[in-house]
Amino acid sequence: MSLTDKEIALELTKLAVEHYNVKANLKALHSHLDVNHIQSFYNSFYQTVSKVDKNNQQ
């Protein structure tokens, strides 16, 4: 079963959020996230995955 670009981007976003949650739990005060950060992660991951997918199709 292969994942779509959106699903891959979502999984990478989940991992990034989990990483920041661990940092926040360790009291790294500069490690808070808001909705804009999460949207930015997703958009960046989606653009990257889409570019890789398009390059592989050529």
C-alpha atoms as a PDB file:
ATOM      1  CA  MET A   1       0.000   0.000   0.000  1.00  0.00           C
ATOM      2  CA  SER A   2       1.472   3.336  -0.996  1.00  0.00           C
ATOM      3  CA  LEU A   3       0.687   6.637   0.645  1.00  0.00           C
ATOM      4  CA  THR A   4      -0.355   9.778  -1.178  1.00  0.00           C
ATOM      5  CA  ASP A   5       1.763  12.912  -0.989  1.00  0.00           C
ATOM      6  CA  LYS A   6      -0.740  14.406   1.454  1.00  0.00           C
ATOM      7  CA  GLU A   7      -0.597  11.337   3.702  1.00  0.00           C
ATOM      8  CA  ILE A   8       3.202  11.381   3.705  1.00  0.00           C
ATOM      9  CA  ALA A   9       3.227  15.094   4.554  1.00  0.00           C
ATOM     10  CA  LEU A  10       0.742  14.472   7.375  1.00  0.00           C
ATOM     11  CA  GLU A  11       2.879  11.678   8.837  1.00  0.00           C
ATOM     12  CA  LEU A  12       5.996  13.877   8.704  1.00  0.00           C
ATOM     13  CA  THR A  13       4.044  16.690  10.365  1.00  0.00           C
ATOM     14  CA  LYS A  14       2.950  14.333  13.149  1.00  0.00           C
ATOM     15  CA  LEU A  15       6.585  13.341  13.733  1.00  0.00           C
ATOM     16  CA  ALA A  16       7.690  16.977  13.861  1.00  0.00           C
ATOM     17  CA  VAL A  17       4.955  17.835  16.378  1.00  0.00           C
ATOM     18  CA  GLU A  18       5.883  14.811  18.512  1.00  0.00           C
ATOM     19  CA  HIS A  19       9.519  15.940  18.441  1.00  0.00           C
ATOM     20  CA  TYR A  20       8.577  19.420  19.638  1.00  0.00           C
ATOM     21  CA  ASN A  21       6.321  17.957  22.320  1.00  0.00           C
ATOM     22  CA  VAL A  22       9.257  15.974  23.690  1.00  0.00           C
ATOM     23  CA  LYS A  23      11.372  19.137  23.725  1.00  0.00           C
ATOM     24  CA  ALA A  24       8.590  21.038  25.479  1.00  0.00           C
ATOM     25  CA  ASN A  25       8.272  18.274  28.068  1.00  0.00           C
ATOM     26  CA  LEU A  26      11.988  18.656  28.730  1.00  0.00           C
ATOM     27  CA  LYS A  27      11.323  22.323  29.511  1.00  0.00           C
ATOM     28  CA  ALA A  28      12.854  23.782  26.376  1.00  0.00           C
ATOM     29  CA  LEU A  29      10.840  26.979  26.589  1.00  0.00           C
ATOM     30  CA  HIS A  30      11.676  28.097  23.055  1.00  0.00           C
ATOM     31  CA  SER A  31      10.025  24.951  21.680  1.00  0.00           C
ATOM     32  CA  HIS A  32       6.349  25.895  21.747  1.00  0.00           C
ATOM     33  CA  LEU A  33       4.223  25.364  18.641  1.00  0.00           C
ATOM     34  CA  ASP A  34       1.151  27.133  17.401  1.00  0.00           C
ATOM     35  CA  VAL A  35      -1.180  26.438  14.493  1.00  0.00           C
ATOM     36  CA  ASN A  36       0.926  28.544  12.128  1.00  0.00           C
ATOM     37  CA  HIS A  37       4.025  26.454  12.856  1.00  0.00           C
ATOM     38  CA  ILE A  38       2.122  23.236  12.219  1.00  0.00           C
ATOM     39  CA  GLN A  39       0.652  24.575   8.972  1.00  0.00           C
ATOM     40  CA  SER A  40       4.119  25.630   7.890  1.00  0.00           C
ATOM     41  CA  PHE A  41       5.525  22.165   8.643  1.00  0.00           C
ATOM     42  CA  TYR A  42       2.752  20.489   6.645  1.00  0.00           C
ATOM     43  CA  ASN A  43       3.078  22.858   3.674  1.00  0.00           C
ATOM     44  CA  SER A  44       6.847  22.464   3.561  1.00  0.00           C
ATOM     45  CA  PHE A  45       6.658  18.685   3.797  1.00  0.00           C
ATOM     46  CA  TYR A  46       3.918  18.511   1.152  1.00  0.00           C
ATOM     47  CA  GLN A  47       5.851  20.703  -1.284  1.00  0.00           C
ATOM     48  CA  THR A  48       8.999  18.641  -0.800  1.00  0.00           C
ATOM     49  CA  VAL A  49       7.248  15.294  -1.192  1.00  0.00           C
ATOM     50  CA  SER A  50       5.370  16.528  -4.265  1.00  0.00           C
ATOM     51  CA  LYS A  51       8.608  17.701  -5.901  1.00  0.00           C
ATOM     52  CA  VAL A  52      10.267  14.350  -5.274  1.00  0.00           C
ATOM     53  CA  ASP A  53       7.234  12.530  -6.674  1.00  0.00           C
ATOM     54  CA  LYS A  54       7.147  14.732  -9.807  1.00  0.00           C
ATOM     55  CA  ASN A  55      10.896  14.302 -10.375  1.00  0.00           C
ATOM     56  CA  ASN A  56      10.541  10.521 -10.161  1.00  0.00           C
ATOM     57  CA  GLN A  57       7.749  10.531 -12.755  1.00  0.00           C
ATOM     58  CA  GLN A  58       9.891  12.319 -15.355  1.00  0.00           C
END
